[in-house]
Amino acid sequence: MNDKLAVIQTGGKQYLVKAGQKIKVEKLNDADAQEGATVNFDKVLLVAEGDNIKVGKPQVAGSSVSAKVLRNGRADKITILKYKSKTRSRKKAGHRQPFTEVQIEEIK
């Protein structure tokens, strides 16, 4: 079993990825992040292939993960309700988080 795994950091979050996997990350604001474009994630924190594990300090030097942008979108709406008793204070708001869906192509 020679699955190559990597931990990448983007949008303030870390993701465990492998080739062929589809993930939704925080919206990429790059002009290069249009649908069908290829993006590179340079902040690679860990690369593992079988028993060979490379851990970065904080990043693995010379490693990158390339991915293809599938789509840009917005997540389902969540509703935020705030209520304070005895003061007739109520507040309702909604939020839709933007995301970019990518498919991991190669781990270098």
PDB file of N, CA and C in Angstrom:
ATOM      1  N   MET A   1       0.843  -1.186   0.000  1.00  0.00           N
ATOM      2  CA  MET A   1       0.000   0.000   0.000  1.00  0.00           C
ATOM      3  C   MET A   1       0.880   1.238   0.000  1.00  0.00           C
ATOM      4  N   ASN A   2       1.054   1.861  -1.151  1.00  0.00           N
ATOM      5  CA  ASN A   2       1.919   3.023  -1.286  1.00  0.00           C
ATOM      6  C   ASN A   2       1.115   4.287  -1.527  1.00  0.00           C
ATOM      7  N   ASP A   3       0.109   4.532  -0.706  1.00  0.00           N
ATOM      8  CA  ASP A   3      -0.641   5.767  -0.825  1.00  0.00           C
ATOM      9  C   ASP A   3       0.196   6.901  -0.273  1.00  0.00           C
ATOM     10  N   LYS A   4       0.306   7.953  -1.048  1.00  0.00           N
ATOM     11  CA  LYS A   4       1.055   9.122  -0.618  1.00  0.00           C
ATOM     12  C   LYS A   4       0.074  10.104   0.005  1.00  0.00           C
ATOM     13  N   LEU A   5       0.337  10.507   1.233  1.00  0.00           N
ATOM     14  CA  LEU A   5      -0.515  11.429   1.971  1.00  0.00           C
ATOM     15  C   LEU A   5       0.251  12.712   2.244  1.00  0.00           C
ATOM     16  N   ALA A   6      -0.479  13.799   2.409  1.00  0.00           N
ATOM     17  CA  ALA A   6       0.139  15.075   2.763  1.00  0.00           C
ATOM     18  C   ALA A   6      -0.827  15.865   3.630  1.00  0.00           C
ATOM     19  N   VAL A   7      -0.271  16.718   4.467  1.00  0.00           N
ATOM     20  CA  VAL A   7      -1.063  17.666   5.249  1.00  0.00           C
ATOM     21  C   VAL A   7      -0.722  19.046   4.708  1.00  0.00           C
ATOM     22  N   ILE A   8      -1.740  19.741   4.169  1.00  0.00           N
ATOM     23  CA  ILE A   8      -1.533  21.077   3.620  1.00  0.00           C
ATOM     24  C   ILE A   8      -2.253  22.097   4.482  1.00  0.00           C
ATOM     25  N   GLN A   9      -1.796  23.336   4.380  1.00  0.00           N
ATOM     26  CA  GLN A   9      -2.428  24.423   5.118  1.00  0.00           C
ATOM     27  C   GLN A   9      -2.892  25.475   4.125  1.00  0.00           C
ATOM     28  N   THR A  10      -4.161  25.834   4.195  1.00  0.00           N
ATOM     29  CA  THR A  10      -4.715  26.901   3.376  1.00  0.00           C
ATOM     30  C   THR A  10      -5.923  27.486   4.081  1.00  0.00           C
ATOM     31  N   GLY A  11      -6.060  28.784   4.012  1.00  0.00           N
ATOM     32  CA  GLY A  11      -7.211  29.445   4.622  1.00  0.00           C
ATOM     33  C   GLY A  11      -7.246  29.323   6.129  1.00  0.00           C
ATOM     34  N   GLY A  12      -6.081  29.155   6.767  1.00  0.00           N
ATOM     35  CA  GLY A  12      -6.029  29.039   8.215  1.00  0.00           C
ATOM     36  C   GLY A  12      -6.415  27.673   8.744  1.00  0.00           C
ATOM     37  N   LYS A  13      -6.607  26.708   7.842  1.00  0.00           N
ATOM     38  CA  LYS A  13      -6.978  25.353   8.253  1.00  0.00           C
ATOM     39  C   LYS A  13      -6.002  24.356   7.660  1.00  0.00           C
ATOM     40  N   GLN A  14      -5.966  23.169   8.242  1.00  0.00           N
ATOM     41  CA  GLN A  14      -5.091  22.102   7.759  1.00  0.00           C
ATOM     42  C   GLN A  14      -5.950  20.948   7.247  1.00  0.00           C
ATOM     43  N   TYR A  15      -5.510  20.349   6.139  1.00  0.00           N
ATOM     44  CA  TYR A  15      -6.250  19.272   5.505  1.00  0.00           C
ATOM     45  C   TYR A  15      -5.326  18.094   5.239  1.00  0.00           C
ATOM     46  N   LEU A  16      -5.774  16.879   5.545  1.00  0.00           N
ATOM     47  CA  LEU A  16      -5.067  15.650   5.208  1.00  0.00           C
ATOM     48  C   LEU A  16      -5.588  15.210   3.842  1.00  0.00           C
ATOM     49  N   VAL A  17      -4.686  15.160   2.835  1.00  0.00           N
ATOM     50  CA  VAL A  17      -5.122  14.892   1.468  1.00  0.00           C
ATOM     51  C   VAL A  17      -4.326  13.754   0.855  1.00  0.00           C
ATOM     52  N   LYS A  18      -4.922  13.132  -0.174  1.00  0.00           N
ATOM     53  CA  LYS A  18      -4.225  12.159  -0.992  1.00  0.00           C
ATOM     54  C   LYS A  18      -4.668  12.370  -2.435  1.00  0.00           C
ATOM     55  N   ALA A  19      -3.930  11.846  -3.384  1.00  0.00           N
ATOM     56  CA  ALA A  19      -4.205  12.071  -4.801  1.00  0.00           C
ATOM     57  C   ALA A  19      -5.591  11.543  -5.165  1.00  0.00           C
ATOM     58  N   GLY A  20      -6.316  12.317  -5.961  1.00  0.00           N
ATOM     59  CA  GLY A  20      -7.646  11.930  -6.402  1.00  0.00           C
ATOM     60  C   GLY A  20      -8.769  12.378  -5.488  1.00  0.00           C
ATOM     61  N   GLN A  21      -8.447  12.904  -4.330  1.00  0.00           N
ATOM     62  CA  GLN A  21      -9.458  13.299  -3.340  1.00  0.00           C
ATOM     63  C   GLN A  21     -10.040  14.675  -3.680  1.00  0.00           C
ATOM     64  N   LYS A  22     -11.345  14.849  -3.439  1.00  0.00           N
ATOM     65  CA  LYS A  22     -12.011  16.139  -3.606  1.00  0.00           C
ATOM     66  C   LYS A  22     -12.225  16.743  -2.226  1.00  0.00           C
ATOM     67  N   ILE A  23     -11.832  18.011  -2.068  1.00  0.00           N
ATOM     68  CA  ILE A  23     -12.039  18.694  -0.792  1.00  0.00           C
ATOM     69  C   ILE A  23     -12.570  20.100  -1.050  1.00  0.00           C
ATOM     70  N   LYS A  24     -13.263  20.635  -0.062  1.00  0.00           N
ATOM     71  CA  LYS A  24     -13.724  22.018  -0.102  1.00  0.00           C
ATOM     72  C   LYS A  24     -12.855  22.812   0.857  1.00  0.00           C
ATOM     73  N   VAL A  25     -12.182  23.832   0.335  1.00  0.00           N
ATOM     74  CA  VAL A  25     -11.312  24.678   1.146  1.00  0.00           C
ATOM     75  C   VAL A  25     -11.903  26.081   1.193  1.00  0.00           C
ATOM     76  N   GLU A  26     -11.372  26.909   2.074  1.00  0.00           N
ATOM     77  CA  GLU A  26     -11.785  28.305   2.110  1.00  0.00           C
ATOM     78  C   GLU A  26     -11.574  28.912   0.734  1.00  0.00           C
ATOM     79  N   LYS A  27     -12.416  29.855   0.370  1.00  0.00           N
ATOM     80  CA  LYS A  27     -12.373  30.425  -0.982  1.00  0.00           C
ATOM     81  C   LYS A  27     -10.984  30.951  -1.305  1.00  0.00           C
ATOM     82  N   LEU A  28     -10.465  30.522  -2.455  1.00  0.00           N
ATOM     83  CA  LEU A  28      -9.178  31.005  -2.935  1.00  0.00           C
ATOM     84  C   LEU A  28      -9.428  32.279  -3.729  1.00  0.00           C
ATOM     85  N   ASN A  29      -8.805  33.377  -3.313  1.00  0.00           N
ATOM     86  CA  ASN A  29      -9.061  34.670  -3.944  1.00  0.00           C
ATOM     87  C   ASN A  29      -8.163  34.929  -5.141  1.00  0.00           C
ATOM     88  N   ASP A  30      -7.271  34.003  -5.452  1.00  0.00           N
ATOM     89  CA  ASP A  30      -6.368  34.215  -6.574  1.00  0.00           C
ATOM     90  C   ASP A  30      -7.151  34.323  -7.873  1.00  0.00           C
ATOM     91  N   ALA A  31      -6.654  35.127  -8.796  1.00  0.00           N
ATOM     92  CA  ALA A  31      -7.268  35.204 -10.121  1.00  0.00           C
ATOM     93  C   ALA A  31      -7.068  33.880 -10.859  1.00  0.00           C
ATOM     94  N   ASP A  32      -6.074  33.085 -10.423  1.00  0.00           N
ATOM     95  CA  ASP A  32      -5.798  31.795 -11.047  1.00  0.00           C
ATOM     96  C   ASP A  32      -6.791  30.725 -10.611  1.00  0.00           C
ATOM     97  N   ALA A  33      -7.625  31.013  -9.634  1.00  0.00           N
ATOM     98  CA  ALA A  33      -8.499  29.991  -9.064  1.00  0.00           C
ATOM     99  C   ALA A  33      -9.833  29.906  -9.786  1.00  0.00           C
ATOM    100  N   GLN A  34      -9.835  30.117 -11.092  1.00  0.00           N
ATOM    101  CA  GLN A  34     -11.052  29.951 -11.875  1.00  0.00           C
ATOM    102  C   GLN A  34     -11.295  28.464 -12.112  1.00  0.00           C
ATOM    103  N   GLU A  35     -12.503  28.091 -12.461  1.00  0.00           N
ATOM    104  CA  GLU A  35     -12.840  26.687 -12.676  1.00  0.00           C
ATOM    105  C   GLU A  35     -11.989  26.106 -13.802  1.00  0.00           C
ATOM    106  N   GLY A  36     -11.400  24.936 -13.539  1.00  0.00           N
ATOM    107  CA  GLY A  36     -10.544  24.272 -14.519  1.00  0.00           C
ATOM    108  C   GLY A  36      -9.078  24.623 -14.390  1.00  0.00           C
ATOM    109  N   ALA A  37      -8.754  25.625 -13.584  1.00  0.00           N
ATOM    110  CA  ALA A  37      -7.359  26.028 -13.409  1.00  0.00           C
ATOM    111  C   ALA A  37      -6.656  25.089 -12.435  1.00  0.00           C
ATOM    112  N   THR A  38      -5.328  25.112 -12.468  1.00  0.00           N
ATOM    113  CA  THR A  38      -4.520  24.321 -11.549  1.00  0.00           C
ATOM    114  C   THR A  38      -3.900  25.254 -10.521  1.00  0.00           C
ATOM    115  N   VAL A  39      -4.002  24.888  -9.243  1.00  0.00           N
ATOM    116  CA  VAL A  39      -3.398  25.674  -8.168  1.00  0.00           C
ATOM    117  C   VAL A  39      -2.394  24.799  -7.426  1.00  0.00           C
ATOM    118  N   ASN A  40      -1.374  25.435  -6.858  1.00  0.00           N
ATOM    119  CA  ASN A  40      -0.358  24.736  -6.077  1.00  0.00           C
ATOM    120  C   ASN A  40      -0.448  25.189  -4.629  1.00  0.00           C
ATOM    121  N   PHE A  41      -0.429  24.236  -3.730  1.00  0.00           N
ATOM    122  CA  PHE A  41      -0.374  24.522  -2.299  1.00  0.00           C
ATOM    123  C   PHE A  41       1.068  24.295  -1.855  1.00  0.00           C
ATOM    124  N   ASP A  42       1.746  25.379  -1.476  1.00  0.00           N
ATOM    125  CA  ASP A  42       3.158  25.288  -1.100  1.00  0.00           C
ATOM    126  C   ASP A  42       3.357  25.035   0.390  1.00  0.00           C
ATOM    127  N   LYS A  43       2.352  25.326   1.197  1.00  0.00           N
ATOM    128  CA  LYS A  43       2.470  25.109   2.638  1.00  0.00           C
ATOM    129  C   LYS A  43       2.140  23.655   2.955  1.00  0.00           C
ATOM    130  N   VAL A  44       3.126  22.789   2.790  1.00  0.00           N
ATOM    131  CA  VAL A  44       2.969  21.364   3.052  1.00  0.00           C
ATOM    132  C   VAL A  44       3.637  21.083   4.390  1.00  0.00           C
ATOM    133  N   LEU A  45       2.869  20.600   5.360  1.00  0.00           N
ATOM    134  CA  LEU A  45       3.376  20.395   6.714  1.00  0.00           C
ATOM    135  C   LEU A  45       3.884  18.980   6.937  1.00  0.00           C
ATOM    136  N   LEU A  46       3.385  18.005   6.149  1.00  0.00           N
ATOM    137  CA  LEU A  46       3.780  16.616   6.328  1.00  0.00           C
ATOM    138  C   LEU A  46       3.570  15.873   5.014  1.00  0.00           C
ATOM    139  N   VAL A  47       4.515  14.985   4.688  1.00  0.00           N
ATOM    140  CA  VAL A  47       4.375  14.106   3.531  1.00  0.00           C
ATOM    141  C   VAL A  47       4.680  12.695   4.008  1.00  0.00           C
ATOM    142  N   ALA A  48       3.783  11.749   3.717  1.00  0.00           N
ATOM    143  CA  ALA A  48       3.964  10.362   4.151  1.00  0.00           C
ATOM    144  C   ALA A  48       3.729   9.435   2.969  1.00  0.00           C
ATOM    145  N   GLU A  49       4.693   8.527   2.741  1.00  0.00           N
ATOM    146  CA  GLU A  49       4.552   7.503   1.709  1.00  0.00           C
ATOM    147  C   GLU A  49       5.007   6.196   2.327  1.00  0.00           C
ATOM    148  N   GLY A  50       4.027   5.370   2.708  1.00  0.00           N
ATOM    149  CA  GLY A  50       4.359   4.123   3.398  1.00  0.00           C
ATOM    150  C   GLY A  50       4.970   4.432   4.764  1.00  0.00           C
ATOM    151  N   ASP A  51       6.169   3.898   5.009  1.00  0.00           N
ATOM    152  CA  ASP A  51       6.869   4.151   6.277  1.00  0.00           C
ATOM    153  C   ASP A  51       7.752   5.384   6.221  1.00  0.00           C
ATOM    154  N   ASN A  52       7.907   5.975   5.037  1.00  0.00           N
ATOM    155  CA  ASN A  52       8.735   7.174   4.878  1.00  0.00           C
ATOM    156  C   ASN A  52       7.891   8.408   5.188  1.00  0.00           C
ATOM    157  N   ILE A  53       8.167   9.053   6.332  1.00  0.00           N
ATOM    158  CA  ILE A  53       7.390  10.202   6.782  1.00  0.00           C
ATOM    159  C   ILE A  53       8.315  11.401   6.926  1.00  0.00           C
ATOM    160  N   LYS A  54       7.948  12.504   6.271  1.00  0.00           N
ATOM    161  CA  LYS A  54       8.719  13.747   6.384  1.00  0.00           C
ATOM    162  C   LYS A  54       7.841  14.771   7.082  1.00  0.00           C
ATOM    163  N   VAL A  55       8.322  15.290   8.198  1.00  0.00           N
ATOM    164  CA  VAL A  55       7.599  16.302   8.958  1.00  0.00           C
ATOM    165  C   VAL A  55       8.350  17.609   8.818  1.00  0.00           C
ATOM    166  N   GLY A  56       7.642  18.678   8.469  1.00  0.00           N
ATOM    167  CA  GLY A  56       8.271  19.975   8.275  1.00  0.00           C
ATOM    168  C   GLY A  56       8.478  20.724   9.571  1.00  0.00           C
ATOM    169  N   LYS A  57       9.361  21.729   9.494  1.00  0.00           N
ATOM    170  CA  LYS A  57       9.657  22.575  10.655  1.00  0.00           C
ATOM    171  C   LYS A  57       9.568  24.037  10.243  1.00  0.00           C
ATOM    172  N   PRO A  58       8.475  24.633   9.999  1.00  0.00           N
ATOM    173  CA  PRO A  58       7.117  24.111  10.034  1.00  0.00           C
ATOM    174  C   PRO A  58       6.665  23.498   8.705  1.00  0.00           C
ATOM    175  N   GLN A  59       7.409  23.741   7.597  1.00  0.00           N
ATOM    176  CA  GLN A  59       6.985  23.211   6.302  1.00  0.00           C
ATOM    177  C   GLN A  59       8.045  22.288   5.737  1.00  0.00           C
ATOM    178  N   VAL A  60       7.628  21.321   4.915  1.00  0.00           N
ATOM    179  CA  VAL A  60       8.554  20.406   4.264  1.00  0.00           C
ATOM    180  C   VAL A  60       9.154  21.145   3.075  1.00  0.00           C
ATOM    181  N   ALA A  61      10.481  21.289   3.065  1.00  0.00           N
ATOM    182  CA  ALA A  61      11.169  22.028   2.011  1.00  0.00           C
ATOM    183  C   ALA A  61      11.053  21.285   0.680  1.00  0.00           C
ATOM    184  N   GLY A  62      10.741  22.030  -0.381  1.00  0.00           N
ATOM    185  CA  GLY A  62      10.687  21.458  -1.720  1.00  0.00           C
ATOM    186  C   GLY A  62       9.434  20.663  -2.029  1.00  0.00           C
ATOM    187  N   SER A  63       8.466  20.626  -1.145  1.00  0.00           N
ATOM    188  CA  SER A  63       7.238  19.866  -1.387  1.00  0.00           C
ATOM    189  C   SER A  63       6.107  20.800  -1.793  1.00  0.00           C
ATOM    190  N   SER A  64       5.235  20.280  -2.630  1.00  0.00           N
ATOM    191  CA  SER A  64       4.047  21.028  -3.011  1.00  0.00           C
ATOM    192  C   SER A  64       2.960  20.046  -3.421  1.00  0.00           C
ATOM    193  N   VAL A  65       1.740  20.512  -3.396  1.00  0.00           N
ATOM    194  CA  VAL A  65       0.590  19.707  -3.791  1.00  0.00           C
ATOM    195  C   VAL A  65      -0.138  20.483  -4.879  1.00  0.00           C
ATOM    196  N   SER A  66      -0.350  19.842  -6.025  1.00  0.00           N
ATOM    197  CA  SER A  66      -1.080  20.504  -7.107  1.00  0.00           C
ATOM    198  C   SER A  66      -2.513  19.981  -7.128  1.00  0.00           C
ATOM    199  N   ALA A  67      -3.438  20.885  -7.425  1.00  0.00           N
ATOM    200  CA  ALA A  67      -4.859  20.535  -7.429  1.00  0.00           C
ATOM    201  C   ALA A  67      -5.562  21.273  -8.564  1.00  0.00           C
ATOM    202  N   LYS A  68      -6.650  20.685  -9.027  1.00  0.00           N
ATOM    203  CA  LYS A  68      -7.461  21.282 -10.082  1.00  0.00           C
ATOM    204  C   LYS A  68      -8.716  21.870  -9.453  1.00  0.00           C
ATOM    205  N   VAL A  69      -9.035  23.112  -9.810  1.00  0.00           N
ATOM    206  CA  VAL A  69     -10.218  23.775  -9.270  1.00  0.00           C
ATOM    207  C   VAL A  69     -11.447  23.238  -9.994  1.00  0.00           C
ATOM    208  N   LEU A  70     -12.370  22.658  -9.228  1.00  0.00           N
ATOM    209  CA  LEU A  70     -13.603  22.132  -9.806  1.00  0.00           C
ATOM    210  C   LEU A  70     -14.691  23.187  -9.867  1.00  0.00           C
ATOM    211  N   ARG A  71     -14.877  23.911  -8.769  1.00  0.00           N
ATOM    212  CA  ARG A  71     -15.898  24.965  -8.752  1.00  0.00           C
ATOM    213  C   ARG A  71     -15.699  25.877  -7.554  1.00  0.00           C
ATOM    214  N   ASN A  72     -16.271  27.059  -7.678  1.00  0.00           N
ATOM    215  CA  ASN A  72     -16.368  28.010  -6.578  1.00  0.00           C
ATOM    216  C   ASN A  72     -17.840  28.109  -6.214  1.00  0.00           C
ATOM    217  N   GLY A  73     -18.139  28.167  -4.930  1.00  0.00           N
ATOM    218  CA  GLY A  73     -19.543  28.210  -4.537  1.00  0.00           C
ATOM    219  C   GLY A  73     -19.724  28.753  -3.141  1.00  0.00           C
ATOM    220  N   ARG A  74     -20.945  28.609  -2.658  1.00  0.00           N
ATOM    221  CA  ARG A  74     -21.279  29.031  -1.309  1.00  0.00           C
ATOM    222  C   ARG A  74     -22.007  27.892  -0.617  1.00  0.00           C
ATOM    223  N   ALA A  75     -21.696  27.696   0.642  1.00  0.00           N
ATOM    224  CA  ALA A  75     -22.294  26.613   1.424  1.00  0.00           C
ATOM    225  C   ALA A  75     -23.750  26.930   1.743  1.00  0.00           C
ATOM    226  N   ASP A  76     -24.449  25.950   2.296  1.00  0.00           N
ATOM    227  CA  ASP A  76     -25.834  26.150   2.701  1.00  0.00           C
ATOM    228  C   ASP A  76     -25.919  27.228   3.772  1.00  0.00           C
ATOM    229  N   LYS A  77     -27.048  27.899   3.801  1.00  0.00           N
ATOM    230  CA  LYS A  77     -27.240  28.979   4.764  1.00  0.00           C
ATOM    231  C   LYS A  77     -27.385  28.417   6.174  1.00  0.00           C
ATOM    232  N   ILE A  78     -26.701  29.065   7.104  1.00  0.00           N
ATOM    233  CA  ILE A  78     -26.919  28.777   8.514  1.00  0.00           C
ATOM    234  C   ILE A  78     -27.591  29.995   9.132  1.00  0.00           C
ATOM    235  N   THR A  79     -28.449  29.767  10.115  1.00  0.00           N
ATOM    236  CA  THR A  79     -29.189  30.839  10.761  1.00  0.00           C
ATOM    237  C   THR A  79     -28.615  31.095  12.141  1.00  0.00           C
ATOM    238  N   ILE A  80     -28.384  32.358  12.422  1.00  0.00           N
ATOM    239  CA  ILE A  80     -27.852  32.769  13.715  1.00  0.00           C
ATOM    240  C   ILE A  80     -28.963  33.514  14.456  1.00  0.00           C
ATOM    241  N   LEU A  81     -29.304  33.055  15.643  1.00  0.00           N
ATOM    242  CA  LEU A  81     -30.311  33.705  16.470  1.00  0.00           C
ATOM    243  C   LEU A  81     -29.664  34.160  17.764  1.00  0.00           C
ATOM    244  N   LYS A  82     -29.907  35.419  18.125  1.00  0.00           N
ATOM    245  CA  LYS A  82     -29.431  35.943  19.402  1.00  0.00           C
ATOM    246  C   LYS A  82     -30.644  36.439  20.175  1.00  0.00           C
ATOM    247  N   TYR A  83     -30.690  36.103  21.450  1.00  0.00           N
ATOM    248  CA  TYR A  83     -31.840  36.442  22.275  1.00  0.00           C
ATOM    249  C   TYR A  83     -31.370  36.828  23.660  1.00  0.00           C
ATOM    250  N   LYS A  84     -31.904  37.933  24.158  1.00  0.00           N
ATOM    251  CA  LYS A  84     -31.616  38.346  25.532  1.00  0.00           C
ATOM    252  C   LYS A  84     -32.939  38.441  26.269  1.00  0.00           C
ATOM    253  N   SER A  85     -33.029  37.688  27.338  1.00  0.00           N
ATOM    254  CA  SER A  85     -34.288  37.653  28.083  1.00  0.00           C
ATOM    255  C   SER A  85     -34.538  38.972  28.806  1.00  0.00           C
ATOM    256  N   LYS A  86     -35.788  39.242  29.041  1.00  0.00           N
ATOM    257  CA  LYS A  86     -36.276  40.376  29.828  1.00  0.00           C
ATOM    258  C   LYS A  86     -36.056  41.725  29.168  1.00  0.00           C
ATOM    259  N   THR A  87     -35.485  41.777  27.976  1.00  0.00           N
ATOM    260  CA  THR A  87     -35.244  43.074  27.333  1.00  0.00           C
ATOM    261  C   THR A  87     -35.899  43.183  25.964  1.00  0.00           C
ATOM    262  N   ARG A  88     -36.642  42.149  25.563  1.00  0.00           N
ATOM    263  CA  ARG A  88     -37.283  42.108  24.250  1.00  0.00           C
ATOM    264  C   ARG A  88     -36.261  42.270  23.123  1.00  0.00           C
ATOM    265  N   SER A  89     -35.099  41.757  23.336  1.00  0.00           N
ATOM    266  CA  SER A  89     -34.028  41.876  22.346  1.00  0.00           C
ATOM    267  C   SER A  89     -33.878  40.566  21.598  1.00  0.00           C
ATOM    268  N   ARG A  90     -34.114  40.614  20.290  1.00  0.00           N
ATOM    269  CA  ARG A  90     -33.957  39.444  19.434  1.00  0.00           C
ATOM    270  C   ARG A  90     -33.223  39.889  18.174  1.00  0.00           C
ATOM    271  N   LYS A  91     -32.357  39.032  17.673  1.00  0.00           N
ATOM    272  CA  LYS A  91     -31.644  39.351  16.447  1.00  0.00           C
ATOM    273  C   LYS A  91     -31.500  38.084  15.624  1.00  0.00           C
ATOM    274  N   LYS A  92     -31.817  38.165  14.361  1.00  0.00           N
ATOM    275  CA  LYS A  92     -31.725  37.009  13.474  1.00  0.00           C
ATOM    276  C   LYS A  92     -30.865  37.395  12.275  1.00  0.00           C
ATOM    277  N   ALA A  93     -29.922  36.518  11.932  1.00  0.00           N
ATOM    278  CA  ALA A  93     -29.055  36.762  10.784  1.00  0.00           C
ATOM    279  C   ALA A  93     -28.762  35.435  10.102  1.00  0.00           C
ATOM    280  N   GLY A  94     -28.330  35.489   8.862  1.00  0.00           N
ATOM    281  CA  GLY A  94     -27.955  34.295   8.124  1.00  0.00           C
ATOM    282  C   GLY A  94     -26.554  34.467   7.553  1.00  0.00           C
ATOM    283  N   HIS A  95     -25.931  33.339   7.225  1.00  0.00           N
ATOM    284  CA  HIS A  95     -24.572  33.390   6.674  1.00  0.00           C
ATOM    285  C   HIS A  95     -24.368  32.241   5.711  1.00  0.00           C
ATOM    286  N   ARG A  96     -23.728  32.512   4.574  1.00  0.00           N
ATOM    287  CA  ARG A  96     -23.344  31.478   3.605  1.00  0.00           C
ATOM    288  C   ARG A  96     -21.847  31.619   3.364  1.00  0.00           C
ATOM    289  N   GLN A  97     -21.080  30.619   3.771  1.00  0.00           N
ATOM    290  CA  GLN A  97     -19.622  30.666   3.675  1.00  0.00           C
ATOM    291  C   GLN A  97     -19.178  30.314   2.251  1.00  0.00           C
ATOM    292  N   PRO A  98     -18.383  31.171   1.598  1.00  0.00           N
ATOM    293  CA  PRO A  98     -17.868  30.829   0.270  1.00  0.00           C
ATOM    294  C   PRO A  98     -16.774  29.774   0.360  1.00  0.00           C
ATOM    295  N   PHE A  99     -16.686  28.914  -0.670  1.00  0.00           N
ATOM    296  CA  PHE A  99     -15.672  27.863  -0.694  1.00  0.00           C
ATOM    297  C   PHE A  99     -15.196  27.644  -2.116  1.00  0.00           C
ATOM    298  N   THR A 100     -14.069  26.936  -2.227  1.00  0.00           N
ATOM    299  CA  THR A 100     -13.546  26.477  -3.508  1.00  0.00           C
ATOM    300  C   THR A 100     -13.373  24.977  -3.399  1.00  0.00           C
ATOM    301  N   GLU A 101     -13.975  24.228  -4.327  1.00  0.00           N
ATOM    302  CA  GLU A 101     -13.831  22.780  -4.338  1.00  0.00           C
ATOM    303  C   GLU A 101     -12.699  22.415  -5.284  1.00  0.00           C
ATOM    304  N   VAL A 102     -11.723  21.649  -4.771  1.00  0.00           N
ATOM    305  CA  VAL A 102     -10.569  21.252  -5.575  1.00  0.00           C
ATOM    306  C   VAL A 102     -10.404  19.742  -5.547  1.00  0.00           C
ATOM    307  N   GLN A 103      -9.761  19.222  -6.596  1.00  0.00           N
ATOM    308  CA  GLN A 103      -9.415  17.812  -6.645  1.00  0.00           C
ATOM    309  C   GLN A 103      -7.908  17.703  -6.655  1.00  0.00           C
ATOM    310  N   ILE A 104      -7.367  16.963  -5.682  1.00  0.00           N
ATOM    311  CA  ILE A 104      -5.924  16.815  -5.549  1.00  0.00           C
ATOM    312  C   ILE A 104      -5.413  15.951  -6.697  1.00  0.00           C
ATOM    313  N   GLU A 105      -4.424  16.466  -7.428  1.00  0.00           N
ATOM    314  CA  GLU A 105      -3.881  15.728  -8.567  1.00  0.00           C
ATOM    315  C   GLU A 105      -2.562  15.044  -8.255  1.00  0.00           C
ATOM    316  N   GLU A 106      -1.639  15.799  -7.615  1.00  0.00           N
ATOM    317  CA  GLU A 106      -0.302  15.234  -7.402  1.00  0.00           C
ATOM    318  C   GLU A 106       0.315  15.789  -6.132  1.00  0.00           C
ATOM    319  N   ILE A 107       1.037  14.922  -5.425  1.00  0.00           N
ATOM    320  CA  ILE A 107       1.789  15.307  -4.243  1.00  0.00           C
ATOM    321  C   ILE A 107       3.251  15.135  -4.573  1.00  0.00           C
ATOM    322  N   LYS A 108       4.006  16.231  -4.517  1.00  0.00           N
ATOM    323  CA  LYS A 108       5.427  16.182  -4.872  1.00  0.00           C
ATOM    324  C   LYS A 108       6.290  16.293  -3.631  1.00  0.00           C
TER     325      LYS A 108
END
